[in-house]
N, C-alpha and C. Protein backbone atom coordinates (compact mmCIF):
# COMPACT_ATOMS: atom_id res chain seq x y z
N UNK A 1 -6.23 -4.21 0.40
CA UNK A 1 -6.78 -5.12 1.42
C UNK A 1 -5.67 -5.92 2.10
N UNK A 2 -4.80 -6.53 1.27
CA UNK A 2 -3.74 -7.37 1.84
C UNK A 2 -2.72 -6.53 2.60
N UNK A 3 -2.38 -5.34 2.08
CA UNK A 3 -1.43 -4.48 2.79
C UNK A 3 -2.01 -4.04 4.13
N UNK A 4 -3.32 -3.98 4.22
CA UNK A 4 -3.97 -3.57 5.45
C UNK A 4 -3.89 -4.58 6.56
N UNK A 5 -3.29 -5.74 6.28
CA UNK A 5 -3.10 -6.74 7.34
C UNK A 5 -2.11 -6.26 8.38
N UNK A 6 -1.30 -5.28 8.04
CA UNK A 6 -0.41 -4.69 9.03
C UNK A 6 -0.44 -3.17 8.88
N UNK A 7 -0.14 -2.49 9.97
CA UNK A 7 -0.16 -1.03 9.95
C UNK A 7 1.03 -0.50 9.14
N UNK A 8 0.85 0.69 8.59
CA UNK A 8 1.98 1.29 7.88
C UNK A 8 2.81 2.12 8.86
N UNK A 9 3.73 2.90 8.35
CA UNK A 9 4.63 3.68 9.20
C UNK A 9 3.87 4.70 10.06
N UNK A 10 2.68 5.07 9.62
CA UNK A 10 1.86 6.03 10.36
C UNK A 10 0.75 5.36 11.16
N UNK A 11 0.86 4.03 11.33
CA UNK A 11 -0.13 3.24 12.07
C UNK A 11 -1.51 3.30 11.41
N UNK A 12 -1.52 3.31 10.10
CA UNK A 12 -2.77 3.37 9.34
C UNK A 12 -3.05 2.05 8.66
N UNK A 13 -4.32 1.66 8.61
CA UNK A 13 -4.79 0.53 7.81
C UNK A 13 -6.22 0.82 7.36
N UNK A 14 -6.47 0.61 6.09
CA UNK A 14 -7.85 0.79 5.59
C UNK A 14 -8.77 -0.33 6.07
N UNK A 15 -8.20 -1.45 6.51
CA UNK A 15 -9.02 -2.61 6.87
C UNK A 15 -9.86 -2.39 8.12
N UNK A 16 -9.45 -1.46 8.99
CA UNK A 16 -10.22 -1.30 10.23
C UNK A 16 -10.96 0.04 10.26
N UNK A 17 -11.18 0.62 9.09
CA UNK A 17 -11.85 1.93 9.02
C UNK A 17 -13.22 1.91 9.69
N UNK A 18 -13.92 0.78 9.61
CA UNK A 18 -15.28 0.69 10.17
C UNK A 18 -15.35 -0.20 11.41
N UNK A 19 -14.19 -0.45 12.01
CA UNK A 19 -14.13 -1.30 13.20
C UNK A 19 -13.97 -0.43 14.44
N UNK A 20 -14.66 -0.80 15.52
CA UNK A 20 -14.58 -0.06 16.78
C UNK A 20 -14.18 -0.99 17.91
N UNK A 21 -13.21 -0.56 18.71
CA UNK A 21 -12.83 -1.26 19.93
C UNK A 21 -13.40 -0.48 21.11
N UNK A 22 -13.90 -1.19 22.09
CA UNK A 22 -14.51 -0.55 23.25
C UNK A 22 -13.88 -1.05 24.54
N UNK A 23 -13.67 -0.12 25.46
CA UNK A 23 -13.20 -0.47 26.80
C UNK A 23 -14.41 -0.41 27.73
N UNK A 24 -15.02 -1.56 28.05
CA UNK A 24 -16.25 -1.56 28.84
C UNK A 24 -16.06 -1.03 30.25
N UNK A 25 -14.84 -1.13 30.78
CA UNK A 25 -14.61 -0.67 32.15
C UNK A 25 -14.62 0.86 32.23
N UNK A 26 -14.28 1.51 31.13
CA UNK A 26 -14.23 2.97 31.12
C UNK A 26 -15.33 3.60 30.27
N UNK A 27 -15.97 2.77 29.44
CA UNK A 27 -17.00 3.29 28.57
C UNK A 27 -16.46 4.10 27.41
N UNK A 28 -15.19 3.91 27.07
CA UNK A 28 -14.57 4.64 25.97
C UNK A 28 -14.40 3.71 24.78
N UNK A 29 -14.22 4.29 23.60
CA UNK A 29 -14.06 3.48 22.40
C UNK A 29 -13.19 4.23 21.39
N UNK A 30 -12.73 3.49 20.40
CA UNK A 30 -11.93 4.07 19.32
C UNK A 30 -12.29 3.36 18.03
N UNK A 31 -12.28 4.12 16.94
CA UNK A 31 -12.63 3.59 15.63
C UNK A 31 -11.52 3.87 14.63
N UNK A 32 -11.27 2.93 13.74
CA UNK A 32 -10.28 3.11 12.69
C UNK A 32 -8.88 3.31 13.24
N UNK A 33 -8.14 4.24 12.67
CA UNK A 33 -6.74 4.42 13.05
C UNK A 33 -6.55 4.82 14.51
N UNK A 34 -7.60 5.35 15.13
CA UNK A 34 -7.49 5.71 16.55
C UNK A 34 -7.30 4.47 17.42
N UNK A 35 -7.62 3.28 16.88
CA UNK A 35 -7.44 2.03 17.62
C UNK A 35 -5.97 1.79 17.94
N UNK A 36 -5.08 2.24 17.07
CA UNK A 36 -3.65 1.95 17.24
C UNK A 36 -3.14 2.38 18.60
N UNK A 37 -3.51 3.57 19.06
CA UNK A 37 -3.01 4.09 20.33
C UNK A 37 -4.00 3.89 21.48
N UNK A 38 -5.10 3.21 21.19
CA UNK A 38 -6.12 2.97 22.21
C UNK A 38 -5.63 1.91 23.20
N UNK A 39 -5.91 2.10 24.47
CA UNK A 39 -5.49 1.14 25.50
C UNK A 39 -6.70 0.56 26.21
N UNK A 40 -6.66 -0.75 26.47
CA UNK A 40 -7.66 -1.43 27.29
C UNK A 40 -6.88 -2.25 28.31
N UNK A 41 -7.06 -1.99 29.56
CA UNK A 41 -6.26 -2.64 30.60
C UNK A 41 -6.37 -4.16 30.51
N UNK A 42 -5.21 -4.82 30.52
CA UNK A 42 -5.08 -6.28 30.45
C UNK A 42 -5.57 -6.87 29.13
N UNK A 43 -5.87 -6.03 28.16
CA UNK A 43 -6.36 -6.51 26.86
C UNK A 43 -5.51 -5.96 25.72
N UNK A 44 -5.27 -4.66 25.69
CA UNK A 44 -4.57 -4.06 24.56
C UNK A 44 -3.68 -2.91 24.99
N UNK A 45 -2.48 -2.90 24.48
CA UNK A 45 -1.55 -1.78 24.65
C UNK A 45 -1.43 -1.06 23.32
N UNK A 46 -0.87 0.15 23.28
CA UNK A 46 -0.70 0.85 22.01
C UNK A 46 0.13 0.03 21.02
N UNK A 47 -0.24 0.09 19.76
CA UNK A 47 0.47 -0.64 18.72
C UNK A 47 1.64 0.18 18.19
N UNK A 48 2.70 -0.51 17.76
CA UNK A 48 3.80 0.13 17.05
C UNK A 48 3.48 0.16 15.56
N UNK A 49 4.24 0.95 14.81
CA UNK A 49 4.13 0.92 13.36
C UNK A 49 4.42 -0.50 12.86
N UNK A 50 3.73 -0.91 11.83
CA UNK A 50 3.88 -2.22 11.18
C UNK A 50 3.35 -3.38 12.02
N UNK A 51 2.55 -3.09 13.05
CA UNK A 51 1.94 -4.17 13.83
C UNK A 51 1.05 -5.03 12.94
N UNK A 52 1.11 -6.34 13.12
CA UNK A 52 0.25 -7.26 12.38
C UNK A 52 -1.15 -7.23 12.98
N UNK A 53 -2.15 -6.86 12.18
CA UNK A 53 -3.55 -6.88 12.64
C UNK A 53 -4.36 -7.84 11.79
N UNK A 54 -3.69 -8.88 11.33
CA UNK A 54 -4.30 -9.83 10.39
C UNK A 54 -5.44 -10.63 11.01
N UNK A 55 -5.29 -11.02 12.28
CA UNK A 55 -6.27 -11.88 12.91
C UNK A 55 -6.97 -11.17 14.06
N UNK A 56 -8.29 -11.24 14.10
CA UNK A 56 -9.07 -10.64 15.18
C UNK A 56 -9.49 -11.68 16.20
N UNK A 57 -9.94 -11.22 17.37
CA UNK A 57 -10.32 -12.14 18.44
C UNK A 57 -11.59 -12.93 18.09
N UNK A 58 -11.66 -14.12 18.61
CA UNK A 58 -12.78 -15.01 18.33
C UNK A 58 -14.10 -14.42 18.80
N UNK A 59 -14.10 -13.75 19.95
CA UNK A 59 -15.35 -13.24 20.52
C UNK A 59 -15.65 -11.80 20.07
N UNK A 60 -14.95 -11.33 19.06
CA UNK A 60 -15.19 -9.99 18.55
C UNK A 60 -14.03 -9.06 18.85
N UNK A 61 -13.67 -8.25 17.89
CA UNK A 61 -12.52 -7.36 18.05
C UNK A 61 -12.74 -6.41 19.22
N UNK A 62 -11.76 -6.35 20.11
CA UNK A 62 -11.82 -5.45 21.24
C UNK A 62 -12.50 -6.00 22.46
N UNK A 63 -12.94 -7.27 22.41
CA UNK A 63 -13.61 -7.82 23.59
C UNK A 63 -12.61 -8.06 24.71
N UNK A 64 -13.09 -8.11 25.93
CA UNK A 64 -12.20 -8.22 27.08
C UNK A 64 -11.65 -9.65 27.28
N UNK A 65 -12.21 -10.64 26.57
CA UNK A 65 -11.69 -12.00 26.68
C UNK A 65 -10.37 -12.15 25.93
N UNK A 66 -10.22 -11.35 24.85
CA UNK A 66 -8.98 -11.33 24.09
C UNK A 66 -8.57 -12.74 23.66
N UNK A 67 -9.55 -13.56 23.23
CA UNK A 67 -9.25 -14.93 22.80
C UNK A 67 -9.35 -15.05 21.29
N UNK A 68 -8.76 -16.10 20.77
CA UNK A 68 -8.73 -16.25 19.32
C UNK A 68 -8.34 -17.68 18.96
N UNK A 69 -8.90 -18.19 17.87
CA UNK A 69 -8.43 -19.44 17.30
C UNK A 69 -7.13 -19.16 16.56
N UNK A 70 -6.14 -20.04 16.73
CA UNK A 70 -4.88 -19.88 16.00
C UNK A 70 -4.88 -20.88 14.86
N UNK A 71 -4.93 -20.40 13.60
CA UNK A 71 -5.00 -21.34 12.47
C UNK A 71 -3.68 -22.07 12.28
N UNK A 72 -3.70 -23.39 12.42
CA UNK A 72 -2.50 -24.20 12.22
C UNK A 72 -2.27 -24.48 10.75
N UNK A 73 -3.34 -24.60 9.99
CA UNK A 73 -3.21 -24.80 8.55
C UNK A 73 -4.48 -24.30 7.88
N UNK A 74 -4.29 -23.51 6.83
CA UNK A 74 -5.42 -23.02 6.06
C UNK A 74 -5.41 -23.68 4.69
N UNK A 75 -6.56 -23.69 4.03
CA UNK A 75 -6.65 -24.33 2.72
C UNK A 75 -5.71 -23.66 1.72
N UNK A 76 -5.47 -22.36 1.90
CA UNK A 76 -4.55 -21.66 1.00
C UNK A 76 -3.14 -22.25 1.08
N UNK A 77 -2.72 -22.61 2.30
CA UNK A 77 -1.42 -23.23 2.47
C UNK A 77 -1.38 -24.59 1.76
N UNK A 78 -2.46 -25.35 1.88
CA UNK A 78 -2.52 -26.67 1.24
C UNK A 78 -2.37 -26.55 -0.28
N UNK A 79 -3.01 -25.54 -0.86
CA UNK A 79 -2.92 -25.34 -2.30
C UNK A 79 -1.50 -25.02 -2.71
N UNK A 80 -0.84 -24.17 -1.94
CA UNK A 80 0.54 -23.80 -2.26
C UNK A 80 1.50 -24.97 -2.06
N UNK A 81 1.24 -25.81 -1.06
CA UNK A 81 2.04 -27.03 -0.87
C UNK A 81 1.87 -27.95 -2.09
N UNK A 82 0.63 -28.07 -2.55
CA UNK A 82 0.36 -28.91 -3.73
C UNK A 82 1.13 -28.39 -4.94
N UNK A 83 1.09 -27.06 -5.15
CA UNK A 83 1.79 -26.49 -6.29
C UNK A 83 3.29 -26.76 -6.21
N UNK A 84 3.88 -26.58 -5.01
CA UNK A 84 5.31 -26.82 -4.87
C UNK A 84 5.66 -28.29 -5.08
N UNK A 85 4.83 -29.17 -4.52
CA UNK A 85 5.08 -30.60 -4.69
C UNK A 85 5.05 -31.03 -6.15
N UNK A 86 4.07 -30.50 -6.88
CA UNK A 86 3.99 -30.82 -8.31
C UNK A 86 5.19 -30.29 -9.07
N UNK A 87 5.59 -29.05 -8.75
CA UNK A 87 6.72 -28.44 -9.45
C UNK A 87 8.01 -29.23 -9.21
N UNK A 88 8.21 -29.68 -7.97
CA UNK A 88 9.44 -30.38 -7.64
C UNK A 88 9.43 -31.84 -8.10
N UNK A 89 8.28 -32.35 -8.50
CA UNK A 89 8.21 -33.73 -8.99
C UNK A 89 8.15 -33.78 -10.51
N UNK A 90 8.47 -32.66 -11.15
CA UNK A 90 8.55 -32.65 -12.61
C UNK A 90 7.24 -32.36 -13.32
N UNK A 91 6.20 -32.04 -12.57
CA UNK A 91 4.89 -31.76 -13.19
C UNK A 91 4.65 -30.25 -13.23
N UNK A 92 5.55 -29.54 -13.90
CA UNK A 92 5.52 -28.08 -13.86
C UNK A 92 4.27 -27.48 -14.50
N UNK A 93 3.79 -28.06 -15.56
CA UNK A 93 2.59 -27.52 -16.23
C UNK A 93 1.39 -27.56 -15.29
N UNK A 94 1.24 -28.67 -14.58
CA UNK A 94 0.13 -28.79 -13.63
C UNK A 94 0.34 -27.86 -12.45
N UNK A 95 1.58 -27.78 -11.97
CA UNK A 95 1.89 -26.87 -10.85
C UNK A 95 1.59 -25.43 -11.23
N UNK A 96 1.97 -25.04 -12.42
CA UNK A 96 1.71 -23.68 -12.90
C UNK A 96 0.22 -23.39 -12.94
N UNK A 97 -0.56 -24.37 -13.39
CA UNK A 97 -2.00 -24.18 -13.45
C UNK A 97 -2.61 -24.05 -12.05
N UNK A 98 -2.14 -24.87 -11.12
CA UNK A 98 -2.63 -24.79 -9.74
C UNK A 98 -2.34 -23.42 -9.15
N UNK A 99 -1.12 -22.92 -9.36
CA UNK A 99 -0.74 -21.62 -8.81
C UNK A 99 -1.53 -20.49 -9.46
N UNK A 100 -1.66 -20.51 -10.76
CA UNK A 100 -2.39 -19.45 -11.45
C UNK A 100 -3.86 -19.45 -11.07
N UNK A 101 -4.46 -20.62 -10.96
CA UNK A 101 -5.87 -20.69 -10.55
C UNK A 101 -6.05 -20.11 -9.15
N UNK A 102 -5.10 -20.42 -8.27
CA UNK A 102 -5.18 -19.92 -6.89
C UNK A 102 -5.11 -18.40 -6.84
N UNK A 103 -4.09 -17.83 -7.47
CA UNK A 103 -3.91 -16.38 -7.40
C UNK A 103 -5.04 -15.66 -8.12
N UNK A 104 -5.48 -16.19 -9.25
CA UNK A 104 -6.57 -15.56 -9.99
C UNK A 104 -7.86 -15.56 -9.19
N UNK A 105 -8.09 -16.63 -8.44
CA UNK A 105 -9.33 -16.75 -7.65
C UNK A 105 -9.30 -15.83 -6.44
N UNK A 106 -8.16 -15.75 -5.77
CA UNK A 106 -8.09 -15.05 -4.49
C UNK A 106 -7.61 -13.60 -4.57
N UNK A 107 -6.82 -13.26 -5.63
CA UNK A 107 -6.19 -11.94 -5.59
C UNK A 107 -6.21 -11.18 -6.90
N UNK A 108 -5.75 -11.81 -7.98
CA UNK A 108 -5.53 -11.07 -9.22
C UNK A 108 -6.06 -11.87 -10.40
N UNK A 109 -7.23 -11.52 -10.93
CA UNK A 109 -7.86 -12.27 -12.03
C UNK A 109 -7.00 -12.36 -13.28
N UNK A 110 -6.04 -11.45 -13.45
CA UNK A 110 -5.23 -11.44 -14.67
C UNK A 110 -3.84 -12.03 -14.45
N UNK A 111 -3.62 -12.67 -13.31
CA UNK A 111 -2.28 -13.17 -12.95
C UNK A 111 -1.82 -14.30 -13.86
N UNK A 112 -0.56 -14.24 -14.25
CA UNK A 112 0.13 -15.36 -14.88
C UNK A 112 1.51 -15.47 -14.23
N UNK A 113 2.05 -16.66 -14.20
CA UNK A 113 3.37 -16.86 -13.60
C UNK A 113 4.39 -16.07 -14.41
N UNK A 114 5.17 -15.18 -13.78
CA UNK A 114 6.14 -14.36 -14.51
C UNK A 114 7.31 -15.19 -15.02
N UNK A 115 7.90 -14.73 -16.09
CA UNK A 115 9.06 -15.43 -16.67
C UNK A 115 10.36 -15.04 -16.00
N UNK A 116 10.29 -14.08 -15.07
CA UNK A 116 11.50 -13.58 -14.41
C UNK A 116 11.96 -14.45 -13.26
N UNK A 117 11.15 -15.41 -12.83
CA UNK A 117 11.52 -16.32 -11.74
C UNK A 117 11.28 -17.76 -12.18
N UNK A 118 11.98 -18.69 -11.53
CA UNK A 118 11.65 -20.09 -11.72
C UNK A 118 10.29 -20.35 -11.09
N UNK A 119 9.64 -21.42 -11.48
CA UNK A 119 8.32 -21.72 -10.95
C UNK A 119 8.37 -21.93 -9.44
N UNK A 120 9.38 -22.66 -8.95
CA UNK A 120 9.49 -22.92 -7.51
C UNK A 120 9.70 -21.61 -6.76
N UNK A 121 10.52 -20.72 -7.32
CA UNK A 121 10.74 -19.42 -6.68
C UNK A 121 9.46 -18.59 -6.66
N UNK A 122 8.68 -18.66 -7.72
CA UNK A 122 7.44 -17.91 -7.75
C UNK A 122 6.43 -18.46 -6.74
N UNK A 123 6.42 -19.77 -6.56
CA UNK A 123 5.55 -20.36 -5.54
C UNK A 123 5.97 -19.89 -4.16
N UNK A 124 7.29 -19.84 -3.92
CA UNK A 124 7.79 -19.33 -2.64
C UNK A 124 7.39 -17.87 -2.44
N UNK A 125 7.50 -17.08 -3.50
CA UNK A 125 7.10 -15.68 -3.43
C UNK A 125 5.63 -15.57 -3.04
N UNK A 126 4.77 -16.37 -3.66
CA UNK A 126 3.35 -16.33 -3.35
C UNK A 126 3.06 -16.86 -1.95
N UNK A 127 3.87 -17.80 -1.47
CA UNK A 127 3.74 -18.24 -0.07
C UNK A 127 4.03 -17.07 0.86
N UNK A 128 5.05 -16.30 0.54
CA UNK A 128 5.40 -15.17 1.40
C UNK A 128 4.29 -14.12 1.42
N UNK A 129 3.63 -13.93 0.30
CA UNK A 129 2.51 -12.99 0.24
C UNK A 129 1.33 -13.51 1.04
N UNK A 130 0.95 -14.76 0.78
CA UNK A 130 -0.26 -15.32 1.39
C UNK A 130 -0.10 -15.62 2.87
N UNK A 131 1.08 -16.10 3.26
CA UNK A 131 1.26 -16.60 4.63
C UNK A 131 2.06 -15.64 5.50
N UNK A 132 2.15 -14.39 5.06
CA UNK A 132 2.90 -13.40 5.83
C UNK A 132 2.41 -13.34 7.28
N UNK A 133 3.35 -13.32 8.22
CA UNK A 133 3.01 -13.18 9.62
C UNK A 133 2.51 -14.44 10.28
N UNK A 134 2.54 -15.58 9.58
CA UNK A 134 2.02 -16.82 10.14
C UNK A 134 3.11 -17.81 10.53
N UNK A 135 4.38 -17.37 10.47
CA UNK A 135 5.46 -18.19 11.02
C UNK A 135 6.08 -19.19 10.08
N UNK A 136 5.99 -18.98 8.77
CA UNK A 136 6.52 -19.96 7.81
C UNK A 136 7.87 -19.59 7.23
N UNK A 137 8.24 -18.32 7.30
CA UNK A 137 9.36 -17.85 6.50
C UNK A 137 10.66 -18.60 6.75
N UNK A 138 11.08 -18.73 8.01
CA UNK A 138 12.39 -19.32 8.29
C UNK A 138 12.46 -20.77 7.84
N UNK A 139 11.41 -21.55 8.11
CA UNK A 139 11.41 -22.95 7.69
C UNK A 139 11.38 -23.07 6.17
N UNK A 140 10.64 -22.18 5.51
CA UNK A 140 10.62 -22.19 4.04
C UNK A 140 12.01 -21.88 3.49
N UNK A 141 12.66 -20.85 4.05
CA UNK A 141 13.99 -20.47 3.58
C UNK A 141 14.98 -21.60 3.80
N UNK A 142 14.89 -22.27 4.94
CA UNK A 142 15.78 -23.39 5.23
C UNK A 142 15.53 -24.54 4.26
N UNK A 143 14.28 -24.85 4.03
CA UNK A 143 13.92 -25.96 3.14
C UNK A 143 14.36 -25.71 1.70
N UNK A 144 14.22 -24.46 1.26
CA UNK A 144 14.50 -24.11 -0.13
C UNK A 144 15.92 -23.62 -0.36
N UNK A 145 16.71 -23.54 0.72
CA UNK A 145 18.09 -23.09 0.58
C UNK A 145 18.21 -21.62 0.25
N UNK A 146 17.35 -20.78 0.85
CA UNK A 146 17.35 -19.35 0.59
C UNK A 146 18.02 -18.59 1.74
N UNK A 147 18.72 -17.53 1.40
CA UNK A 147 19.28 -16.67 2.43
C UNK A 147 18.16 -15.97 3.20
N UNK A 148 18.39 -15.71 4.47
CA UNK A 148 17.44 -14.96 5.28
C UNK A 148 17.88 -13.49 5.25
N UNK A 149 17.08 -12.66 4.62
CA UNK A 149 17.44 -11.26 4.40
C UNK A 149 16.47 -10.35 5.14
N UNK A 150 17.02 -9.55 6.05
CA UNK A 150 16.22 -8.59 6.82
C UNK A 150 16.62 -7.14 6.53
N UNK A 151 17.84 -6.95 6.05
CA UNK A 151 18.32 -5.59 5.85
C UNK A 151 19.02 -5.46 4.51
N UNK A 152 19.10 -4.25 4.01
CA UNK A 152 19.96 -3.89 2.89
C UNK A 152 20.91 -2.83 3.42
N UNK A 153 22.19 -3.06 3.27
CA UNK A 153 23.19 -2.14 3.80
C UNK A 153 22.94 -0.71 3.34
N UNK A 154 22.98 0.21 4.28
CA UNK A 154 22.79 1.61 3.95
C UNK A 154 21.35 2.06 3.90
N UNK A 155 20.40 1.14 4.10
CA UNK A 155 18.98 1.47 4.07
C UNK A 155 18.37 1.23 5.45
N UNK A 156 17.32 1.98 5.77
CA UNK A 156 16.68 1.83 7.08
C UNK A 156 15.88 0.54 7.13
N UNK A 157 15.68 0.04 8.33
CA UNK A 157 14.92 -1.20 8.54
C UNK A 157 14.05 -1.04 9.77
N UNK A 158 12.87 -1.68 9.75
CA UNK A 158 11.99 -1.59 10.91
C UNK A 158 12.25 -2.70 11.93
N UNK A 159 13.29 -3.53 11.68
CA UNK A 159 13.68 -4.51 12.69
C UNK A 159 14.40 -3.80 13.83
N UNK A 160 14.23 -4.25 15.08
CA UNK A 160 15.03 -3.69 16.19
C UNK A 160 16.51 -3.83 15.86
N UNK A 161 17.32 -2.92 16.37
CA UNK A 161 18.74 -2.88 16.02
C UNK A 161 19.44 -4.22 16.19
N UNK A 162 19.14 -4.92 17.28
CA UNK A 162 19.84 -6.17 17.57
C UNK A 162 19.50 -7.27 16.58
N UNK A 163 18.40 -7.12 15.84
CA UNK A 163 17.95 -8.16 14.91
C UNK A 163 18.09 -7.74 13.46
N UNK A 164 18.85 -6.69 13.21
CA UNK A 164 19.10 -6.24 11.85
C UNK A 164 20.32 -6.95 11.30
N UNK A 165 20.10 -8.15 10.76
CA UNK A 165 21.19 -8.92 10.17
C UNK A 165 20.62 -9.86 9.12
N UNK A 166 21.50 -10.35 8.25
CA UNK A 166 21.15 -11.36 7.26
C UNK A 166 21.96 -12.62 7.54
N UNK A 167 21.38 -13.77 7.18
CA UNK A 167 22.05 -15.04 7.43
C UNK A 167 22.12 -15.85 6.13
N UNK A 168 23.29 -16.36 5.80
CA UNK A 168 23.45 -17.18 4.61
C UNK A 168 22.70 -18.51 4.78
N UNK A 169 22.23 -19.02 3.67
CA UNK A 169 21.40 -20.24 3.72
C UNK A 169 22.14 -21.43 4.31
N UNK A 170 23.46 -21.47 4.18
CA UNK A 170 24.23 -22.61 4.68
C UNK A 170 24.89 -22.34 6.03
N UNK A 171 24.48 -21.27 6.70
CA UNK A 171 25.06 -20.94 8.01
C UNK A 171 24.64 -22.00 9.03
N UNK A 172 25.62 -22.59 9.71
CA UNK A 172 25.33 -23.64 10.69
C UNK A 172 24.46 -23.19 11.84
N UNK A 173 24.35 -21.87 12.04
CA UNK A 173 23.52 -21.36 13.13
C UNK A 173 22.05 -21.72 12.91
N UNK A 174 21.67 -22.00 11.68
CA UNK A 174 20.27 -22.31 11.36
C UNK A 174 19.92 -23.76 11.66
N UNK A 175 20.92 -24.59 11.98
CA UNK A 175 20.65 -26.00 12.26
C UNK A 175 20.14 -26.18 13.69
N UNK A 176 19.14 -27.04 13.85
CA UNK A 176 18.67 -27.38 15.19
C UNK A 176 19.73 -28.23 15.88
N UNK A 177 20.00 -27.93 17.13
CA UNK A 177 21.06 -28.63 17.86
C UNK A 177 20.48 -29.70 18.78
N UNK A 178 21.24 -30.77 18.97
CA UNK A 178 20.86 -31.78 19.94
C UNK A 178 21.24 -31.28 21.34
N UNK A 179 20.34 -31.40 22.30
CA UNK A 179 20.69 -31.02 23.68
C UNK A 179 21.84 -31.89 24.18
N UNK A 180 22.66 -31.35 25.06
CA UNK A 180 23.82 -32.09 25.55
C UNK A 180 23.41 -33.38 26.23
N UNK A 181 22.29 -33.37 26.98
CA UNK A 181 21.85 -34.60 27.66
C UNK A 181 21.55 -35.70 26.64
N UNK A 182 20.94 -35.31 25.50
CA UNK A 182 20.66 -36.30 24.47
C UNK A 182 21.96 -36.82 23.86
N UNK A 183 22.93 -35.95 23.69
CA UNK A 183 24.22 -36.36 23.16
C UNK A 183 24.91 -37.35 24.11
N UNK A 184 24.76 -37.10 25.42
CA UNK A 184 25.42 -37.96 26.42
C UNK A 184 24.77 -39.33 26.51
N UNK A 185 23.45 -39.40 26.28
CA UNK A 185 22.71 -40.63 26.55
C UNK A 185 22.31 -41.42 25.32
N UNK A 186 22.51 -40.88 24.14
CA UNK A 186 22.08 -41.56 22.92
C UNK A 186 23.31 -41.99 22.12
N UNK A 187 23.57 -43.31 22.12
CA UNK A 187 24.75 -43.84 21.43
C UNK A 187 24.70 -43.54 19.94
N UNK A 188 23.49 -43.40 19.41
CA UNK A 188 23.35 -43.15 17.97
C UNK A 188 23.84 -41.79 17.56
N UNK A 189 24.08 -40.91 18.50
CA UNK A 189 24.52 -39.55 18.19
C UNK A 189 26.01 -39.34 18.40
N UNK A 190 26.72 -40.40 18.78
CA UNK A 190 28.15 -40.27 19.02
C UNK A 190 28.85 -39.83 17.72
N UNK A 191 29.71 -38.85 17.84
CA UNK A 191 30.41 -38.36 16.67
C UNK A 191 29.62 -37.36 15.85
N UNK A 192 28.42 -37.04 16.29
CA UNK A 192 27.60 -36.08 15.55
C UNK A 192 28.22 -34.68 15.62
N UNK A 193 28.23 -34.00 14.50
CA UNK A 193 28.73 -32.63 14.45
C UNK A 193 27.62 -31.70 14.92
N UNK A 194 27.75 -31.23 16.13
CA UNK A 194 26.71 -30.39 16.74
C UNK A 194 27.17 -28.93 16.79
N UNK A 195 28.06 -28.58 15.89
CA UNK A 195 28.63 -27.25 15.92
C UNK A 195 28.39 -26.54 14.58
N UNK A 196 28.95 -25.36 14.46
CA UNK A 196 28.86 -24.62 13.20
C UNK A 196 28.06 -23.35 13.34
N UNK A 197 28.50 -22.31 12.66
CA UNK A 197 27.79 -21.04 12.70
C UNK A 197 28.09 -20.28 13.98
N UNK A 198 27.60 -19.07 14.04
CA UNK A 198 27.79 -18.23 15.21
C UNK A 198 26.58 -17.32 15.38
N UNK A 199 26.36 -16.90 16.61
CA UNK A 199 25.24 -16.01 16.90
C UNK A 199 25.30 -14.79 15.99
N UNK A 200 24.22 -14.50 15.22
CA UNK A 200 24.24 -13.34 14.32
C UNK A 200 24.41 -12.04 15.10
N UNK A 201 25.08 -11.09 14.47
CA UNK A 201 25.28 -9.78 15.09
C UNK A 201 24.68 -8.71 14.19
N UNK A 202 24.29 -7.62 14.80
CA UNK A 202 23.65 -6.53 14.07
C UNK A 202 24.52 -6.04 12.92
N UNK A 203 23.93 -5.92 11.74
CA UNK A 203 24.62 -5.40 10.57
C UNK A 203 25.33 -6.42 9.71
N UNK A 204 25.36 -7.70 10.14
CA UNK A 204 26.13 -8.68 9.39
C UNK A 204 25.49 -8.99 8.04
N UNK A 205 26.34 -9.25 7.05
CA UNK A 205 25.93 -9.66 5.70
C UNK A 205 24.93 -8.69 5.07
N UNK A 206 25.17 -7.40 5.22
CA UNK A 206 24.23 -6.40 4.73
C UNK A 206 24.02 -6.44 3.23
N UNK A 207 24.94 -7.01 2.47
CA UNK A 207 24.80 -7.08 1.02
C UNK A 207 24.18 -8.38 0.53
N UNK A 208 23.81 -9.26 1.44
CA UNK A 208 23.22 -10.55 1.08
C UNK A 208 21.81 -10.34 0.51
N UNK A 209 21.44 -11.15 -0.48
CA UNK A 209 20.10 -11.09 -1.08
C UNK A 209 19.55 -12.52 -1.19
N UNK A 210 18.22 -12.63 -1.25
CA UNK A 210 17.64 -13.97 -1.38
C UNK A 210 17.37 -14.35 -2.83
N UNK A 211 17.54 -13.41 -3.76
CA UNK A 211 17.41 -13.72 -5.17
C UNK A 211 15.99 -13.84 -5.68
N UNK A 212 15.02 -13.62 -4.82
CA UNK A 212 13.62 -13.76 -5.23
C UNK A 212 12.83 -12.50 -4.93
N UNK A 213 12.93 -12.02 -3.71
CA UNK A 213 12.14 -10.85 -3.34
C UNK A 213 12.96 -9.57 -3.33
N UNK A 214 14.27 -9.67 -3.51
CA UNK A 214 15.09 -8.46 -3.53
C UNK A 214 16.30 -8.64 -4.45
């Protein structure tokens, strides 16, 4: 079910086996995997492999309005925030219970926190599973001091060539910069170090790992 949130290399997902998209202007439709290459003018273009199909349109999948609510925060995220907060404040037993209750309820009834990771790392791992495709990864990695890993040297990657790189957790390129106008007009920023890091290039740091998921 969870893997079906995105298409595989063959543009397949079990999650949409019984779903049909219709093009009302042409009277044509597609069901299941045929949806991947189905086109609806001004609504849908063919999907690439690994396309995220996690969220459907508010007015029904395949409708011509193509509208959708964008979830800013889900209760699942709140639970994982609670678990991390407890773990980092020294309440590991309670944090462990919160995490195990969450995973057992939503995904795996037999789940227990593995001994192969620290509790905080395991919470991050579960955040990556639960919140995949929702825009949390980079901020989580920055907050937790984790390397950003997209490639393994010598192995294929589904990232476009220009974006196949890894970034060290302390790379200055990850820091938000003050705009020059703000630097010129805000006396409180005088002497601020607004430099560091360099634009990532394809293939860089291919041997870097995040220590949790790889």
